[in-house]
N, C-alpha and C. Protein backbone atom coordinates (compact mmCIF):
# COMPACT_ATOMS: atom_id res chain seq x y z
N MET A 1 103.85 141.68 309.20
CA MET A 1 102.51 141.67 308.20
C MET A 1 102.92 140.53 307.40
N THR A 2 104.59 141.07 306.53
CA THR A 2 105.01 140.18 305.43
C THR A 2 104.59 138.11 306.12
N ALA A 3 104.86 138.13 307.27
CA ALA A 3 104.57 136.86 307.22
C ALA A 3 103.25 136.58 307.54
N ARG A 4 102.18 137.24 308.07
CA ARG A 4 100.67 136.95 307.63
C ARG A 4 100.82 136.23 308.97
N VAL A 5 101.19 136.32 310.16
CA VAL A 5 101.07 135.68 311.05
C VAL A 5 99.65 135.91 311.80
N PRO A 6 98.53 134.93 311.90
CA PRO A 6 97.57 135.29 312.48
C PRO A 6 97.73 135.89 313.80
N GLY A 7 96.85 136.70 314.54
CA GLY A 7 96.67 137.61 315.75
C GLY A 7 96.16 138.95 315.39
N VAL A 8 96.67 139.72 316.39
CA VAL A 8 96.01 141.35 316.52
C VAL A 8 97.48 141.69 317.09
N ARG A 9 97.76 142.92 316.26
CA ARG A 9 98.74 143.62 316.36
C ARG A 9 98.14 145.05 316.96
N VAL A 10 99.01 145.83 318.10
CA VAL A 10 97.93 147.09 318.20
C VAL A 10 99.07 147.95 318.04
N VAL A 11 98.72 149.63 317.31
CA VAL A 11 99.49 150.51 317.56
C VAL A 11 98.80 151.80 317.57
N THR A 12 99.17 152.43 319.52
CA THR A 12 98.57 152.68 320.26
C THR A 12 99.21 153.99 320.58
N GLY A 13 98.70 155.24 321.15
CA GLY A 13 99.31 156.23 321.69
C GLY A 13 97.87 157.45 321.93
N PRO A 14 98.64 158.56 322.32
CA PRO A 14 97.41 159.50 322.76
C PRO A 14 97.35 160.29 321.13
N ALA A 15 96.85 161.25 321.08
CA ALA A 15 96.23 161.62 319.84
C ALA A 15 97.77 162.57 319.54
N GLY A 16 97.69 162.36 318.08
CA GLY A 16 99.09 163.13 317.48
C GLY A 16 100.36 162.54 317.29
N THR A 17 100.45 161.05 317.79
CA THR A 17 101.59 160.44 318.11
C THR A 17 101.70 159.95 316.63
N GLY A 18 100.89 159.54 315.82
CA GLY A 18 101.07 159.33 314.63
C GLY A 18 100.35 158.49 314.04
N LYS A 19 99.24 157.32 314.96
CA LYS A 19 98.95 156.36 314.88
C LYS A 19 98.61 155.64 313.19
N SER A 20 97.69 157.23 313.46
CA SER A 20 97.44 156.57 311.90
C SER A 20 97.46 157.05 310.64
N ALA A 21 98.84 158.06 310.89
CA ALA A 21 99.62 158.04 309.79
C ALA A 21 100.62 156.80 309.56
N VAL A 22 101.03 155.78 310.53
CA VAL A 22 101.87 154.61 310.47
C VAL A 22 101.12 153.60 309.55
N VAL A 23 99.62 153.17 310.32
CA VAL A 23 99.18 152.15 309.36
C VAL A 23 98.49 152.60 308.32
N GLY A 24 98.13 154.50 307.83
CA GLY A 24 97.90 154.76 306.33
C GLY A 24 98.51 154.29 305.41
N ARG A 25 100.09 154.83 305.98
CA ARG A 25 101.07 154.94 305.27
C ARG A 25 101.44 153.01 304.80
N VAL A 26 101.12 152.40 305.38
CA VAL A 26 101.71 150.55 305.40
C VAL A 26 100.37 150.28 304.25
N VAL A 27 98.89 151.36 304.31
CA VAL A 27 97.72 150.15 303.10
C VAL A 27 97.91 151.06 301.89
N SER A 28 98.60 152.33 302.46
CA SER A 28 98.80 153.26 300.98
C SER A 28 99.42 152.94 300.01
N LEU A 29 100.89 152.29 300.45
CA LEU A 29 101.76 151.29 299.78
C LEU A 29 101.46 150.18 299.34
N SER A 30 100.75 149.61 299.93
CA SER A 30 100.03 148.75 299.30
C SER A 30 99.35 148.19 298.15
N ASN A 31 98.38 149.35 297.91
CA ASN A 31 97.96 150.14 296.91
C ASN A 31 98.70 150.50 296.07
N PRO A 32 98.58 150.10 294.55
CA PRO A 32 99.35 150.33 293.69
C PRO A 32 98.84 151.73 293.11
N ASP A 33 98.14 152.37 292.78
CA ASP A 33 97.85 153.58 292.62
C ASP A 33 98.02 154.56 293.62
N GLU A 34 97.72 154.28 294.65
CA GLU A 34 98.29 155.02 295.97
C GLU A 34 99.68 155.08 296.32
N ARG A 35 100.80 154.04 295.58
CA ARG A 35 101.90 153.72 296.01
C ARG A 35 102.77 154.57 294.90
N GLY A 36 102.14 154.14 293.53
CA GLY A 36 102.68 155.67 292.77
C GLY A 36 102.43 156.88 292.49
N ARG A 37 100.72 157.50 293.41
CA ARG A 37 100.95 159.11 293.59
C ARG A 37 101.61 159.00 295.07
N LEU A 38 102.42 158.58 295.70
CA LEU A 38 103.14 158.78 296.94
C LEU A 38 104.51 158.84 296.18
N GLY A 39 104.71 158.70 294.63
CA GLY A 39 106.21 158.85 294.67
C GLY A 39 107.40 158.31 295.00
N HIS A 40 106.58 156.46 295.73
CA HIS A 40 107.43 155.63 296.18
C HIS A 40 108.46 155.70 296.03
N GLY A 41 109.11 156.00 294.45
CA GLY A 41 110.55 155.40 294.24
C GLY A 41 111.38 156.29 294.53
N GLY A 42 110.84 157.56 295.10
CA GLY A 42 111.86 158.66 295.78
C GLY A 42 111.90 158.28 297.34
N THR A 43 111.55 157.63 297.88
CA THR A 43 111.35 157.58 299.13
C THR A 43 111.57 156.10 299.90
N ARG A 44 112.74 155.02 298.62
CA ARG A 44 112.72 153.85 299.31
C ARG A 44 113.87 154.19 300.52
N GLY A 45 113.00 153.36 301.55
CA GLY A 45 113.59 152.76 302.98
C GLY A 45 113.05 153.67 303.73
N VAL A 46 112.09 154.56 303.60
CA VAL A 46 111.58 155.63 304.88
C VAL A 46 110.12 154.78 304.91
N GLY A 47 109.94 154.70 306.23
CA GLY A 47 108.72 154.07 306.77
C GLY A 47 108.59 152.15 306.43
N ALA A 48 107.70 151.87 307.06
CA ALA A 48 107.24 150.51 306.93
C ALA A 48 106.36 150.47 305.51
N ASP A 49 107.13 149.47 304.82
CA ASP A 49 106.85 149.41 303.65
C ASP A 49 106.63 147.54 303.51
N HIS A 50 105.51 147.06 303.66
CA HIS A 50 105.75 145.52 303.24
C HIS A 50 105.31 145.13 301.48
N GLY A 51 104.98 145.93 301.06
CA GLY A 51 105.01 145.53 299.60
C GLY A 51 103.98 146.01 298.74
N VAL A 52 103.26 145.68 297.47
CA VAL A 52 102.24 146.03 296.61
C VAL A 52 101.17 144.56 297.32
N ARG A 53 99.93 144.94 297.34
CA ARG A 53 98.58 143.85 297.95
C ARG A 53 99.32 143.59 299.10
N SER A 54 100.30 144.20 300.12
CA SER A 54 100.56 143.23 301.17
C SER A 54 99.29 143.46 302.44
N VAL A 55 98.14 144.81 302.02
CA VAL A 55 97.06 144.31 303.00
C VAL A 55 95.92 143.99 302.22
N ASP A 56 94.92 143.19 302.53
CA ASP A 56 94.22 142.67 301.80
C ASP A 56 92.64 143.85 302.40
N ALA A 57 92.47 143.88 303.66
CA ALA A 57 91.29 144.54 303.29
C ALA A 57 91.71 145.61 304.41
N HIS A 58 91.22 147.03 304.69
CA HIS A 58 90.99 148.14 306.10
C HIS A 58 89.87 148.92 305.88
N VAL A 59 89.52 149.58 307.43
CA VAL A 59 88.17 150.33 307.56
C VAL A 59 88.77 151.04 308.40
N HIS A 60 88.22 152.17 308.26
CA HIS A 60 88.32 153.04 309.62
C HIS A 60 87.36 153.09 310.23
N ALA A 61 87.50 152.67 311.27
CA ALA A 61 86.46 152.34 312.52
C ALA A 61 85.14 153.49 313.20
N ARG A 62 85.68 154.54 312.75
CA ARG A 62 84.49 155.76 313.10
C ARG A 62 82.93 155.34 312.66
N GLY A 63 82.22 155.15 313.76
CA GLY A 63 81.11 155.05 313.72
C GLY A 63 80.12 153.73 313.21
N LEU A 64 81.41 152.58 313.33
CA LEU A 64 80.78 151.71 312.73
C LEU A 64 80.48 150.97 314.55
N ASN A 65 79.47 149.22 313.96
CA ASN A 65 79.65 148.42 315.08
C ASN A 65 79.83 147.61 314.25
N ALA A 66 80.32 146.00 315.10
CA ALA A 66 80.76 144.86 314.68
C ALA A 66 80.47 144.62 313.09
N ASP A 67 79.06 144.57 313.42
CA ASP A 67 78.12 143.94 311.71
C ASP A 67 78.48 144.70 310.90
N ARG A 68 78.61 146.13 310.80
CA ARG A 68 78.38 146.94 309.87
C ARG A 68 80.52 146.97 309.41
N MET A 69 81.32 146.67 310.35
CA MET A 69 82.87 146.46 310.07
C MET A 69 83.04 145.33 309.14
N ALA A 70 82.39 144.64 309.82
CA ALA A 70 82.24 142.78 308.84
C ALA A 70 81.97 142.63 307.99
N GLU A 71 80.83 143.70 307.71
CA GLU A 71 80.45 144.22 306.00
C GLU A 71 80.92 144.79 304.85
N LEU A 72 81.74 145.73 305.65
CA LEU A 72 82.90 146.50 304.88
C LEU A 72 84.51 145.74 304.30
N LEU A 73 84.66 144.73 305.75
CA LEU A 73 86.36 143.98 305.42
C LEU A 73 85.79 142.95 304.90
N ASP A 74 84.43 142.68 304.45
CA ASP A 74 84.14 141.54 304.03
C ASP A 74 84.13 141.77 302.32
N GLY A 75 83.19 143.49 301.91
CA GLY A 75 83.59 143.86 300.53
C GLY A 75 85.43 143.75 300.07
N HIS A 76 86.32 144.32 300.94
CA HIS A 76 87.39 144.42 300.55
C HIS A 76 87.89 143.12 300.07
N LEU A 77 87.95 141.86 300.83
CA LEU A 77 87.91 140.32 300.71
C LEU A 77 87.69 139.67 299.50
N VAL A 78 86.54 140.30 299.31
CA VAL A 78 85.95 140.20 297.93
C VAL A 78 86.64 140.41 296.73
N ARG A 79 86.74 141.74 296.71
CA ARG A 79 87.42 142.31 295.83
C ARG A 79 88.76 141.89 295.83
N SER A 80 89.43 141.39 296.94
CA SER A 80 90.90 141.11 296.64
C SER A 80 91.20 139.56 296.37
N SER A 81 89.68 139.30 296.00
CA SER A 81 89.67 137.16 295.53
C SER A 81 90.28 136.67 296.89
N VAL A 82 90.01 137.16 297.78
CA VAL A 82 90.23 136.26 298.98
C VAL A 82 89.16 135.32 299.54
N LEU A 83 87.81 136.14 299.91
CA LEU A 83 86.87 135.25 299.81
C LEU A 83 85.95 135.17 298.74
N ALA A 84 85.02 134.42 298.04
CA ALA A 84 83.71 134.29 297.28
C ALA A 84 82.91 134.70 297.89
N PRO A 85 81.82 135.85 297.01
CA PRO A 85 80.57 136.33 297.45
C PRO A 85 80.09 135.33 298.03
N GLY A 86 79.52 135.35 299.72
CA GLY A 86 78.31 134.76 300.21
C GLY A 86 77.24 134.57 299.71
N GLN A 87 76.27 134.36 300.63
CA GLN A 87 74.74 133.87 299.60
C GLN A 87 74.15 135.53 300.15
N ALA A 88 74.39 136.34 301.00
CA ALA A 88 73.65 137.56 301.25
C ALA A 88 74.50 138.38 300.26
N ASP A 89 74.30 140.06 300.27
CA ASP A 89 74.73 140.83 299.50
C ASP A 89 76.87 140.80 300.26
N ARG A 90 76.09 141.10 301.81
CA ARG A 90 77.90 141.10 302.60
C ARG A 90 77.32 140.17 303.42
N ARG A 91 78.62 139.59 303.96
CA ARG A 91 78.64 139.02 305.37
C ARG A 91 78.24 139.88 306.81
N ASN A 92 77.65 139.19 307.52
CA ASN A 92 77.49 140.06 309.09
C ASN A 92 79.27 139.31 309.86
N ALA A 93 79.09 139.55 311.56
CA ALA A 93 80.20 139.21 311.79
C ALA A 93 80.36 138.15 311.82
N ALA A 94 79.31 137.15 312.64
CA ALA A 94 79.28 135.53 312.58
C ALA A 94 79.77 134.92 311.47
N GLU A 95 78.77 135.59 310.26
CA GLU A 95 79.30 135.08 308.67
C GLU A 95 80.93 134.70 308.76
N LEU A 96 81.29 136.68 308.46
CA LEU A 96 82.88 136.67 308.24
C LEU A 96 83.40 135.43 308.67
N VAL A 97 83.56 135.62 310.09
CA VAL A 97 84.06 134.83 310.84
C VAL A 97 83.99 133.52 310.49
N GLY A 98 82.98 132.92 310.23
CA GLY A 98 82.78 131.37 309.43
C GLY A 98 83.39 131.78 308.27
N ALA A 99 83.28 132.34 307.02
CA ALA A 99 83.67 132.11 305.88
C ALA A 99 85.38 132.09 306.45
N LEU A 100 86.60 132.94 306.83
CA LEU A 100 87.57 133.17 306.63
C LEU A 100 88.05 132.03 307.84
N GLN A 101 87.29 130.87 308.81
CA GLN A 101 87.71 129.86 309.57
C GLN A 101 87.34 128.76 308.03
N ARG A 102 86.97 129.10 307.45
CA ARG A 102 86.81 127.44 306.43
C ARG A 102 87.61 128.05 305.52
N ALA A 103 88.12 129.10 305.32
CA ALA A 103 89.21 129.21 304.34
C ALA A 103 90.31 129.13 304.67
N ALA A 104 91.06 129.41 306.09
CA ALA A 104 91.87 128.65 306.71
C ALA A 104 92.21 127.00 307.01
N GLU A 105 91.08 126.83 306.90
CA GLU A 105 90.75 125.16 306.87
C GLU A 105 90.82 124.45 305.93
N GLY A 106 91.16 125.23 304.40
CA GLY A 106 91.10 124.77 302.90
C GLY A 106 92.41 125.34 302.38
N GLY A 107 93.25 125.83 303.83
CA GLY A 107 94.91 125.92 303.48
C GLY A 107 94.76 127.55 303.09
N ALA A 108 94.41 128.16 303.05
CA ALA A 108 94.52 129.64 302.49
C ALA A 108 95.10 130.41 303.08
N ARG A 109 95.96 131.26 303.14
CA ARG A 109 97.14 131.97 304.00
C ARG A 109 95.77 132.99 304.48
N PRO A 110 96.61 133.63 305.72
CA PRO A 110 95.83 134.39 306.63
C PRO A 110 96.04 135.78 305.61
N PRO A 111 94.72 136.43 305.78
CA PRO A 111 94.63 137.83 304.95
C PRO A 111 95.56 138.58 305.71
N VAL A 112 95.71 139.81 305.45
CA VAL A 112 96.17 140.78 306.82
C VAL A 112 94.84 142.13 306.37
N LEU A 113 94.26 142.03 307.64
CA LEU A 113 93.43 143.56 307.98
C LEU A 113 93.64 144.45 308.59
N VAL A 114 93.37 145.60 308.10
CA VAL A 114 94.20 146.69 308.90
C VAL A 114 92.67 147.52 309.28
N VAL A 115 92.22 148.03 311.03
CA VAL A 115 91.33 148.82 311.29
C VAL A 115 92.14 149.80 311.95
N ASP A 116 91.68 151.38 311.41
CA ASP A 116 92.52 152.35 311.84
C ASP A 116 91.12 152.87 312.95
N GLY A 117 91.90 153.43 314.07
CA GLY A 117 91.04 154.24 314.94
C GLY A 117 89.91 153.85 315.73
N LEU A 118 89.86 152.12 316.28
CA LEU A 118 88.97 151.77 317.10
C LEU A 118 88.31 152.72 318.06
N ASP A 119 88.83 153.31 318.61
CA ASP A 119 88.61 154.19 319.64
C ASP A 119 87.61 154.67 319.34
N GLU A 120 87.55 155.10 318.01
CA GLU A 120 86.36 156.23 317.26
C GLU A 120 84.94 155.37 317.47
N ALA A 121 85.06 154.33 317.27
CA ALA A 121 83.60 153.49 317.28
C ALA A 121 83.15 153.94 318.53
N ARG A 122 83.40 154.49 319.31
CA ARG A 122 83.18 154.84 320.75
C ARG A 122 82.48 153.64 321.51
N GLY A 123 81.02 153.85 321.82
CA GLY A 123 80.36 152.70 322.43
C GLY A 123 80.01 151.42 322.20
N GLU A 124 80.51 151.12 320.43
CA GLU A 124 80.69 149.97 320.16
C GLU A 124 82.11 149.14 320.16
N MET A 125 83.42 149.85 320.72
CA MET A 125 84.28 149.80 320.57
C MET A 125 85.10 148.64 321.11
N PHE A 126 84.43 148.13 322.17
CA PHE A 126 85.03 146.71 322.80
C PHE A 126 84.00 145.86 322.49
N ALA A 127 83.12 146.32 322.07
CA ALA A 127 81.38 145.52 320.99
C ALA A 127 82.85 144.72 320.14
N ILE A 128 83.07 145.13 319.35
CA ILE A 128 83.92 145.03 317.76
C ILE A 128 84.83 144.62 318.14
N ALA A 129 85.41 144.63 319.24
CA ALA A 129 87.05 143.83 319.89
C ALA A 129 86.90 142.54 320.12
N THR A 130 85.66 142.24 320.89
CA THR A 130 85.09 141.03 321.17
C THR A 130 84.67 139.91 320.77
N ASP A 131 83.42 140.63 319.74
CA ASP A 131 82.60 140.09 318.75
C ASP A 131 83.60 139.92 317.54
N LEU A 132 83.98 140.43 317.03
CA LEU A 132 84.40 140.52 315.78
C LEU A 132 86.02 140.20 315.63
N LEU A 133 87.14 141.02 315.93
CA LEU A 133 88.25 141.14 315.48
C LEU A 133 89.20 140.11 316.74
N VAL A 134 88.46 139.57 317.93
CA VAL A 134 89.09 138.46 318.64
C VAL A 134 89.10 136.93 317.98
N ARG A 135 87.62 137.11 317.75
CA ARG A 135 87.05 135.71 317.16
C ARG A 135 87.44 135.56 315.70
N LEU A 136 88.38 136.73 314.83
CA LEU A 136 89.19 136.79 313.52
C LEU A 136 89.92 136.20 313.53
N ALA A 137 91.11 136.78 315.36
CA ALA A 137 92.54 137.06 314.63
C ALA A 137 92.69 135.59 314.77
N PRO A 138 92.55 134.12 315.12
CA PRO A 138 93.09 132.45 314.50
C PRO A 138 93.16 132.72 312.92
N TYR A 139 92.40 133.57 312.37
CA TYR A 139 92.01 133.20 310.77
C TYR A 139 92.57 134.14 309.95
N ALA A 140 93.42 135.45 310.86
CA ALA A 140 93.61 136.72 309.77
C ALA A 140 94.80 137.07 311.24
N SER A 141 95.91 137.92 310.08
CA SER A 141 96.94 139.00 310.93
C SER A 141 95.93 140.24 310.93
N ILE A 142 95.57 141.03 311.87
CA ILE A 142 94.73 141.99 311.59
C ILE A 142 95.70 143.38 312.97
N VAL A 143 95.60 143.98 312.10
CA VAL A 143 96.44 145.34 312.34
C VAL A 143 95.44 146.48 313.24
N VAL A 144 95.60 146.78 314.10
CA VAL A 144 94.29 148.05 315.06
C VAL A 144 95.24 149.05 315.49
N SER A 145 94.77 150.11 314.85
CA SER A 145 95.44 151.08 315.47
C SER A 145 94.19 152.41 316.70
N THR A 146 94.72 152.68 317.74
CA THR A 146 93.69 152.77 318.48
C THR A 146 94.32 154.14 319.70
N ARG A 147 93.64 155.18 320.49
CA ARG A 147 93.97 155.68 321.66
C ARG A 147 93.81 154.98 322.45
N PRO A 148 94.98 154.60 323.91
CA PRO A 148 94.47 154.03 324.88
C PRO A 148 93.32 154.26 325.68
N VAL A 149 92.18 153.12 325.98
CA VAL A 149 91.18 153.01 326.30
C VAL A 149 91.14 152.42 327.33
N THR A 150 90.58 152.72 328.45
CA THR A 150 90.21 152.12 329.70
C THR A 150 88.90 151.84 330.33
N ARG A 151 88.49 151.37 330.80
CA ARG A 151 87.02 151.66 331.99
C ARG A 151 86.92 150.52 332.96
N ALA A 152 86.05 150.50 333.89
CA ALA A 152 85.81 150.00 335.44
C ALA A 152 85.80 148.71 335.32
N GLU A 153 85.35 148.33 334.35
CA GLU A 153 85.03 146.60 334.06
C GLU A 153 86.09 145.66 333.45
N LEU A 154 86.29 144.62 333.42
CA LEU A 154 86.50 143.92 332.88
C LEU A 154 86.19 143.38 331.47
N PRO A 155 87.04 143.28 330.12
CA PRO A 155 88.48 143.78 330.32
C PRO A 155 88.80 145.23 330.18
N ALA A 156 89.87 145.80 331.04
CA ALA A 156 89.97 146.92 331.68
C ALA A 156 90.35 148.06 330.58
N SER A 157 90.88 147.08 329.39
CA SER A 157 91.40 147.77 328.66
C SER A 157 91.03 147.44 327.16
N LEU A 158 91.11 148.51 325.88
CA LEU A 158 90.95 147.55 325.02
C LEU A 158 92.05 147.15 324.37
N ALA A 159 93.05 147.43 325.04
CA ALA A 159 94.48 146.10 324.25
C ALA A 159 93.86 145.15 325.13
N GLU A 160 93.44 145.05 326.20
CA GLU A 160 93.12 143.63 326.99
C GLU A 160 91.92 143.30 326.28
N ALA A 161 91.16 144.01 325.42
CA ALA A 161 89.75 143.19 325.10
C ALA A 161 90.25 142.66 323.83
N LEU A 162 91.63 143.51 323.24
CA LEU A 162 91.82 142.71 321.75
C LEU A 162 92.68 141.63 322.00
N GLN A 163 92.55 141.18 322.96
CA GLN A 163 93.61 139.86 323.65
C GLN A 163 95.33 139.72 322.09
N ALA A 164 95.64 141.27 322.34
CA ALA A 164 96.83 141.78 321.41
C ALA A 164 97.77 140.55 321.22
N ASP A 165 98.53 140.27 320.58
CA ASP A 165 99.85 139.56 320.77
C ASP A 165 101.20 140.48 320.78
N ALA A 166 100.78 141.69 320.22
CA ALA A 166 101.63 142.78 320.28
C ALA A 166 101.76 144.28 320.63
N VAL A 167 101.86 144.75 321.28
CA VAL A 167 101.86 146.29 321.25
C VAL A 167 102.86 147.65 321.18
N LEU A 168 102.23 148.34 320.19
CA LEU A 168 103.33 149.34 319.80
C LEU A 168 103.17 150.72 320.20
N ASP A 169 103.50 151.38 321.46
CA ASP A 169 103.16 152.52 322.08
C ASP A 169 103.87 153.54 321.34
N LEU A 170 103.37 154.24 320.29
CA LEU A 170 104.10 155.01 319.68
C LEU A 170 104.72 156.29 321.14
N ASP A 171 103.86 156.44 322.33
CA ASP A 171 103.65 157.21 323.13
C ASP A 171 105.30 156.99 324.52
N ASP A 172 105.55 155.83 323.85
CA ASP A 172 107.27 155.21 324.34
C ASP A 172 108.40 156.18 323.86
N PRO A 173 109.11 156.94 324.90
CA PRO A 173 110.39 157.85 324.74
C PRO A 173 111.33 157.46 323.48
N VAL A 174 111.35 156.17 323.55
CA VAL A 174 112.19 155.56 321.98
C VAL A 174 111.58 155.27 321.15
N HIS A 175 110.18 155.33 321.14
CA HIS A 175 109.73 155.57 319.85
C HIS A 175 108.86 156.91 319.53
N ARG A 176 108.63 157.63 319.99
CA ARG A 176 108.70 159.22 319.74
C ARG A 176 110.11 159.76 319.33
N GLU A 177 111.53 158.92 319.64
CA GLU A 177 112.83 159.71 319.09
C GLU A 177 112.74 159.06 317.65
N SER A 178 112.37 157.74 317.76
CA SER A 178 112.19 156.52 316.45
C SER A 178 111.69 157.68 315.51
N GLY A 179 109.89 157.68 315.84
CA GLY A 179 109.33 158.81 315.01
C GLY A 179 109.84 159.70 314.54
N ARG A 180 110.39 161.09 314.98
CA ARG A 180 110.80 161.82 314.59
C ARG A 180 111.94 161.50 314.25
N ALA A 181 112.90 160.60 314.01
CA ALA A 181 113.97 160.60 313.27
C ALA A 181 113.37 160.31 311.71
N ALA A 182 112.49 159.39 312.11
CA ALA A 182 111.66 158.80 310.30
C ALA A 182 110.99 159.87 309.97
N LEU A 183 110.37 160.92 310.47
CA LEU A 183 109.76 162.32 309.75
C LEU A 183 110.89 162.86 309.07
N ARG A 184 112.19 163.19 309.97
CA ARG A 184 113.42 163.97 309.20
C ARG A 184 113.45 163.79 308.10
N GLU A 185 114.36 161.94 307.76
CA GLU A 185 114.43 161.38 307.30
C GLU A 185 113.39 161.28 306.18
N TYR A 186 111.98 161.27 306.02
CA TYR A 186 111.10 161.46 304.88
C TYR A 186 111.21 162.78 304.65
N VAL A 187 111.04 163.75 305.04
CA VAL A 187 111.10 165.33 304.55
C VAL A 187 112.55 165.43 303.39
N VAL A 188 113.43 164.95 304.42
CA VAL A 188 114.72 165.49 303.70
C VAL A 188 115.01 163.85 302.09
N ALA A 189 114.04 163.25 302.07
CA ALA A 189 113.78 162.42 300.77
C ALA A 189 113.12 163.16 299.85
N ARG A 190 111.95 163.26 300.35
CA ARG A 190 111.13 164.17 299.41
C ARG A 190 111.54 165.55 299.33
N LEU A 191 112.64 165.92 299.76
CA LEU A 191 112.35 167.47 299.39
C LEU A 191 114.20 167.31 298.46
N SER A 192 114.59 166.50 298.51
CA SER A 192 116.52 166.25 297.72
C SER A 192 115.93 166.69 296.22
N GLY A 193 117.35 167.22 295.91
CA GLY A 193 116.80 167.17 294.34
C GLY A 193 115.59 168.57 293.57
N VAL A 194 114.81 168.87 294.70
CA VAL A 194 113.57 169.84 294.28
C VAL A 194 114.46 171.07 293.84
N ALA A 195 115.25 171.81 294.15
CA ALA A 195 115.90 172.93 293.84
C ALA A 195 117.18 172.98 294.32
N ALA A 196 118.37 173.47 293.81
CA ALA A 196 119.31 173.65 294.00
C ALA A 196 119.74 174.10 295.46
N GLU A 197 118.93 175.72 295.47
CA GLU A 197 119.43 176.93 296.78
C GLU A 197 118.28 175.88 298.15
N MET A 198 117.91 174.54 297.55
CA MET A 198 117.41 174.54 298.88
C MET A 198 117.44 173.67 300.09
N ASP A 199 117.70 173.49 301.14
CA ASP A 199 118.56 172.75 302.15
C ASP A 199 117.47 171.68 303.07
N PRO A 200 117.33 170.53 302.26
CA PRO A 200 116.52 169.60 303.23
C PRO A 200 116.55 169.34 304.30
N PRO A 201 118.10 168.95 304.93
CA PRO A 201 118.19 168.88 305.99
C PRO A 201 117.47 170.07 307.45
N GLY A 202 118.01 171.18 306.77
CA GLY A 202 117.12 172.22 307.70
C GLY A 202 116.13 172.43 307.84
N VAL A 203 115.36 172.08 306.24
CA VAL A 203 113.76 172.03 306.64
C VAL A 203 113.57 171.30 307.45
N ALA A 204 113.87 169.98 307.26
CA ALA A 204 113.72 168.59 308.56
C ALA A 204 113.74 169.61 309.24
N GLY A 205 115.05 169.64 309.66
CA GLY A 205 115.21 170.15 311.18
C GLY A 205 114.26 171.38 311.69
N ARG A 206 114.04 172.63 310.81
CA ARG A 206 112.49 173.36 311.41
C ARG A 206 111.33 172.68 311.44
N LEU A 207 111.22 171.23 311.03
CA LEU A 207 109.48 171.09 310.97
C LEU A 207 109.52 170.09 311.71
N VAL A 208 110.53 169.24 312.49
CA VAL A 208 110.57 168.19 313.33
C VAL A 208 111.28 168.42 314.87
N GLY A 209 112.59 169.39 314.36
CA GLY A 209 113.12 169.60 315.44
C GLY A 209 114.26 168.93 315.49
């Protein structure tokens, strides 16, 4: 993300594997106010931290279609000064693609966009992937979290529809253990120094296993 390489990166896995927690932490640590609220000073080295304002726009996909998602992303990008306001109140999908293309051609660095829960867009998820996110991918670094979704027609999966440059499957055994280790580390870091009689590693072991 910090390199801001254009393309789509997908974080996937079944319910409960921590997709939203992973991308949500990145978004929260990007926000100066949220970063302070999380007490990040006491959790250095725990979880992904790409720095303040590393994310330019983020949305949750629940209930959205391509144009509505574009409008929300556009609002964030205007507030972040990545884009100047458009002629209309908010840009639709085609207008947002055009605006970011012109920005890229003018030498602007690719913005970082985070889309959480793409599968929760239900009947619109594949249209959002093909009509918006894939078209934005040459001009933005996009992170998408979604459950694995397949269908009979082509593209057969949401990851294929997104033409993902990289896929992080949190259900992979290696990533499952890595996630548990990171959670144990986080619990220990948050509880250390709270009380002399507390056993942070013991609590982490009970909570995480």
